[in-house]
Amino acid sequence: MRLEQLRKEVLEANLELVRRGLVLYTFGNVSGISRSDGLVAIKPSGVPYEALSPEDMVVTDLDGNIVEGSLRPSSDLATHLELYKAFPSIGGVSHTHSEFATSWAQARKPIPCFGTTHADYFHSPVPVTDEMSSEAIAGDYERNTGTAIIQAFEDLDYENVPGVLVANHGPFTWGRDANAAAYNAVILEHIARVAYRTIAISHDAKEISGDLHDKHFFRKHGAKAYYGQEKK
């Protein structure tokens, strides 16, 4: 079996979405990429999570051709592949229909940064894509979804903003590997829930200052980060 370790990591990341309550039934998917091999492992389409094994993860190339696996890959595969091509430092992609993040996506509203919890992980409001045209939907829909995400990042750093809301659809997140992508999906859902409740308490809630946003983000990320323990 090719990419045995990657398949295990991708399965574990998918199961993390279940453990954290981000998916129902067969909703959602996580993939991971081996950059050296140019191959992606992704959850198969429509298979219950409790029935999955590492061997069930489908391996494809970056053109979507199945290299190994007897099952059909996630229907969102083409979106994942577009992100891997456009965002060269990512190693994993996650997609869910989690309740609060999807609610913001359906409202077609970016998630404002009201506080330091958000600022710790996203160095901007969580963006939302433009609504897709009828032509894009009728065409290569999943690939065009990836294009819409990429276009939303023309003026954003995908490494500092590891997720997006696809208008009327739901969230996609990414990270250095499959586990990081799933982790960011959990964080994004928490941020979406807290932002919703902030607005429910005060419709006039103000976004965090730029100085405080920068302080919290860069104490965790970048060359001068000092949060946590030094890596040995």
Protein backbone atom coordinates (compact mmCIF):
# COMPACT_ATOMS: atom_id res chain seq x y z
CA MET A 1 0.00 0.00 0.00
CA ARG A 2 1.46 3.35 -1.07
CA LEU A 3 1.73 6.28 1.33
CA GLU A 4 0.73 4.13 4.32
CA GLN A 5 1.66 6.77 6.93
CA LEU A 6 -0.13 9.55 5.04
CA ARG A 7 -3.28 7.43 4.80
CA LYS A 8 -3.21 6.86 8.56
CA GLU A 9 -2.78 10.58 9.21
CA VAL A 10 -5.62 11.47 6.85
CA LEU A 11 -7.94 8.94 8.48
CA GLU A 12 -7.06 10.27 11.94
CA ALA A 13 -7.74 13.85 10.81
CA ASN A 14 -11.13 12.83 9.43
CA LEU A 15 -12.00 11.10 12.69
CA GLU A 16 -11.00 14.24 14.62
CA LEU A 17 -13.81 16.08 12.85
CA VAL A 18 -16.22 13.46 14.17
CA ARG A 19 -14.83 13.60 17.71
CA ARG A 20 -15.20 17.39 17.76
CA GLY A 21 -18.77 17.31 16.49
CA LEU A 22 -18.06 19.08 13.20
CA VAL A 23 -19.65 16.51 10.90
CA LEU A 24 -22.91 14.57 10.63
CA TYR A 25 -23.19 11.17 8.96
CA THR A 26 -20.86 11.26 5.93
CA PHE A 27 -20.54 15.07 5.72
CA GLY A 28 -17.07 16.55 5.35
CA ASN A 29 -13.63 15.39 4.27
CA VAL A 30 -9.93 15.81 4.94
CA SER A 31 -7.03 15.18 2.60
CA GLY A 32 -3.25 15.21 2.88
CA ILE A 33 -0.52 15.54 0.29
CA SER A 34 2.92 14.01 -0.19
CA ARG A 35 4.68 16.81 -2.03
CA SER A 36 7.67 14.61 -2.83
CA ASP A 37 5.43 12.04 -4.53
CA GLY A 38 2.94 14.51 -5.98
CA LEU A 39 0.13 12.38 -4.54
CA VAL A 40 -2.90 13.13 -2.38
CA ALA A 41 -4.79 10.86 0.02
CA ILE A 42 -8.42 11.75 0.68
CA LYS A 43 -11.52 10.33 2.34
CA PRO A 44 -13.74 8.28 0.01
CA SER A 45 -17.13 9.69 -0.94
CA GLY A 46 -20.19 8.82 1.13
CA VAL A 47 -18.60 6.18 3.37
CA PRO A 48 -19.57 6.33 7.07
CA TYR A 49 -16.67 7.40 9.27
CA GLU A 50 -17.05 4.41 11.59
CA ALA A 51 -16.48 2.08 8.63
CA LEU A 52 -13.27 3.73 7.42
CA SER A 53 -9.79 2.25 7.56
CA PRO A 54 -6.46 3.62 6.28
CA GLU A 55 -6.77 1.33 3.28
CA ASP A 56 -10.00 3.10 2.30
CA MET A 57 -8.26 6.44 1.78
CA VAL A 58 -8.09 7.09 -1.95
CA VAL A 59 -4.74 8.13 -3.45
CA THR A 60 -4.77 10.38 -6.52
CA ASP A 61 -2.33 12.49 -8.45
CA LEU A 62 -2.69 16.25 -8.76
CA ASP A 63 -4.80 15.82 -11.88
CA GLY A 64 -7.33 13.76 -9.96
CA ASN A 65 -6.38 10.40 -11.47
CA ILE A 66 -6.79 7.53 -9.00
CA VAL A 67 -3.42 5.93 -8.31
CA GLU A 68 -4.56 3.52 -5.61
CA GLY A 69 -7.87 2.64 -4.01
CA SER A 70 -11.06 0.84 -4.95
CA LEU A 71 -13.47 3.54 -3.78
CA ARG A 72 -14.47 6.84 -5.35
CA PRO A 73 -12.72 9.83 -3.77
CA SER A 74 -14.59 12.64 -2.07
CA SER A 75 -16.67 14.68 -4.47
CA ASP A 76 -14.71 17.73 -3.22
CA LEU A 77 -11.39 16.30 -4.46
CA ALA A 78 -11.01 18.86 -7.26
CA THR A 79 -11.36 21.72 -4.77
CA HIS A 80 -8.61 20.23 -2.60
CA LEU A 81 -6.36 19.79 -5.63
CA GLU A 82 -6.77 23.42 -6.70
CA LEU A 83 -5.73 24.53 -3.22
CA TYR A 84 -2.66 22.29 -3.21
CA LYS A 85 -1.60 23.75 -6.55
CA ALA A 86 -2.15 27.37 -5.50
CA PHE A 87 -0.93 27.21 -1.88
CA PRO A 88 2.45 25.44 -2.05
CA SER A 89 3.23 25.30 1.68
CA ILE A 90 0.07 23.50 2.80
CA GLY A 91 0.04 19.77 3.48
CA GLY A 92 -3.61 19.17 4.33
CA VAL A 93 -7.09 20.46 3.51
CA SER A 94 -10.33 20.04 5.47
CA HIS A 95 -13.94 20.74 4.54
CA THR A 96 -16.94 20.55 6.85
CA HIS A 97 -20.51 21.76 7.08
CA SER A 98 -20.10 22.66 10.76
CA GLU A 99 -23.08 24.56 12.13
CA PHE A 100 -21.83 28.04 12.95
CA ALA A 101 -19.19 28.43 10.24
CA THR A 102 -21.70 27.23 7.66
CA SER A 103 -24.25 29.72 8.97
CA TRP A 104 -21.82 32.57 8.27
CA ALA A 105 -21.11 31.08 4.84
CA GLN A 106 -24.82 30.88 4.05
CA ALA A 107 -25.24 34.51 5.11
CA ARG A 108 -22.29 35.33 2.84
CA LYS A 109 -20.67 37.31 5.64
CA PRO A 110 -17.00 37.28 6.71
CA ILE A 111 -16.46 36.55 10.38
CA PRO A 112 -15.23 39.73 12.09
CA CYS A 113 -12.38 39.54 14.56
CA PHE A 114 -13.96 40.67 17.81
CA GLY A 115 -11.30 39.38 20.17
CA THR A 116 -8.04 37.65 20.91
CA THR A 117 -9.30 34.09 20.45
CA HIS A 118 -9.85 34.83 16.77
CA ALA A 119 -6.65 36.89 16.59
CA ASP A 120 -4.57 33.97 17.87
CA TYR A 121 -5.25 31.97 14.70
CA PHE A 122 -6.48 34.21 11.86
CA HIS A 123 -4.68 37.43 10.97
CA SER A 124 -7.81 38.98 9.47
CA PRO A 125 -11.55 38.47 9.47
CA VAL A 126 -12.34 35.00 8.11
CA PRO A 127 -13.07 35.79 4.44
CA VAL A 128 -16.02 34.65 2.37
CA THR A 129 -15.82 33.93 -1.34
CA ASP A 130 -17.86 35.68 -3.98
CA GLU A 131 -21.10 33.97 -4.97
CA MET A 132 -20.45 31.56 -7.82
CA SER A 133 -21.96 32.30 -11.21
CA SER A 134 -24.44 29.99 -12.91
CA GLU A 135 -21.76 29.19 -15.48
CA ALA A 136 -19.25 28.21 -12.78
CA ILE A 137 -21.83 26.01 -11.07
CA ALA A 138 -22.89 24.32 -14.31
CA GLY A 139 -19.28 23.78 -15.37
CA ASP A 140 -16.51 22.08 -13.41
CA TYR A 141 -18.19 22.98 -10.12
CA GLU A 142 -15.70 21.56 -7.61
CA ARG A 143 -12.67 22.91 -9.45
CA ASN A 144 -14.41 26.29 -9.78
CA THR A 145 -15.03 26.24 -6.03
CA GLY A 146 -11.27 26.02 -5.58
CA THR A 147 -10.83 28.92 -7.99
CA ALA A 148 -13.30 31.01 -5.97
CA ILE A 149 -11.29 30.32 -2.81
CA ILE A 150 -8.02 31.25 -4.49
CA GLN A 151 -9.53 34.49 -5.78
CA ALA A 152 -10.60 35.38 -2.22
CA PHE A 153 -6.90 35.27 -1.26
CA GLU A 154 -5.57 37.65 -3.90
CA ASP A 155 -4.88 40.18 -1.13
CA LEU A 156 -4.54 37.77 1.80
CA ASP A 157 -1.75 35.50 3.03
CA TYR A 158 -3.10 31.95 3.05
CA GLU A 159 -0.53 30.95 5.68
CA ASN A 160 -1.76 33.64 8.11
CA VAL A 161 -5.42 33.07 7.29
CA PRO A 162 -5.79 29.26 7.21
CA GLY A 163 -9.44 29.06 6.23
CA VAL A 164 -12.30 30.50 4.23
CA LEU A 165 -16.07 30.43 3.97
CA VAL A 166 -17.39 29.38 0.58
CA ALA A 167 -20.52 31.43 -0.04
CA ASN A 168 -23.72 29.41 0.50
CA HIS A 169 -21.66 26.27 1.06
CA GLY A 170 -19.37 25.99 4.07
CA PRO A 171 -15.82 26.28 5.45
CA PHE A 172 -12.55 25.00 4.05
CA THR A 173 -9.40 25.07 6.17
CA TRP A 174 -5.80 24.02 5.60
CA GLY A 175 -2.50 23.62 7.40
CA ARG A 176 0.96 22.09 7.32
CA ASP A 177 -0.56 18.59 7.30
CA ALA A 178 -3.93 16.86 7.51
CA ASN A 179 -4.07 17.08 11.30
CA ALA A 180 -3.38 20.82 11.23
CA ALA A 181 -6.13 21.28 8.64
CA ALA A 182 -8.62 19.49 10.92
CA TYR A 183 -7.37 21.48 13.93
CA ASN A 184 -8.01 24.72 12.06
CA ALA A 185 -11.51 23.51 11.19
CA VAL A 186 -12.22 23.07 14.91
CA ILE A 187 -10.80 26.53 15.68
CA LEU A 188 -12.81 28.13 12.87
CA GLU A 189 -16.06 26.62 14.16
CA HIS A 190 -15.29 27.95 17.66
CA ILE A 191 -14.53 31.41 16.28
CA ALA A 192 -17.77 31.37 14.26
CA ARG A 193 -19.81 30.39 17.33
CA VAL A 194 -18.26 33.03 19.58
CA ALA A 195 -18.67 35.76 16.93
CA TYR A 196 -22.34 34.85 16.53
CA ARG A 197 -22.89 35.09 20.28
CA THR A 198 -20.96 38.36 20.47
CA ILE A 199 -23.34 39.93 17.96
CA ALA A 200 -26.33 38.43 19.78
CA ILE A 201 -25.21 40.18 22.97
CA SER A 202 -24.34 43.45 21.24
CA HIS A 203 -25.28 44.32 17.66
CA ASP A 204 -22.84 47.22 17.95
CA ALA A 205 -19.84 45.10 18.97
CA LYS A 206 -16.60 46.54 17.61
CA GLU A 207 -13.75 44.63 16.02
CA ILE A 208 -10.45 44.24 17.82
CA SER A 209 -7.82 46.95 17.34
CA GLY A 210 -5.06 46.30 14.82
CA ASP A 211 -2.42 46.52 17.53
CA LEU A 212 -4.07 43.88 19.72
CA HIS A 213 -4.79 41.67 16.73
CA ASP A 214 -1.14 41.79 15.64
CA LYS A 215 0.12 41.17 19.19
CA HIS A 216 -1.90 38.02 19.65
CA PHE A 217 -1.29 36.62 16.19
CA PHE A 218 2.46 37.18 16.08
CA ARG A 219 3.16 35.97 19.59
CA LYS A 220 2.02 32.56 18.26
CA HIS A 221 3.23 32.76 14.66
CA GLY A 222 6.30 33.91 12.80
CA ALA A 223 9.95 34.43 13.59
CA LYS A 224 9.35 36.29 16.88
CA ALA A 225 6.70 33.95 18.29
CA TYR A 226 7.11 33.20 21.99
CA TYR A 227 3.95 31.26 22.87
CA GLY A 228 4.51 27.69 24.05
CA GLN A 229 7.80 25.85 24.45
CA GLU A 230 10.89 26.02 22.30
CA LYS A 231 11.28 23.20 19.79
CA LYS A 232 14.38 21.09 20.48
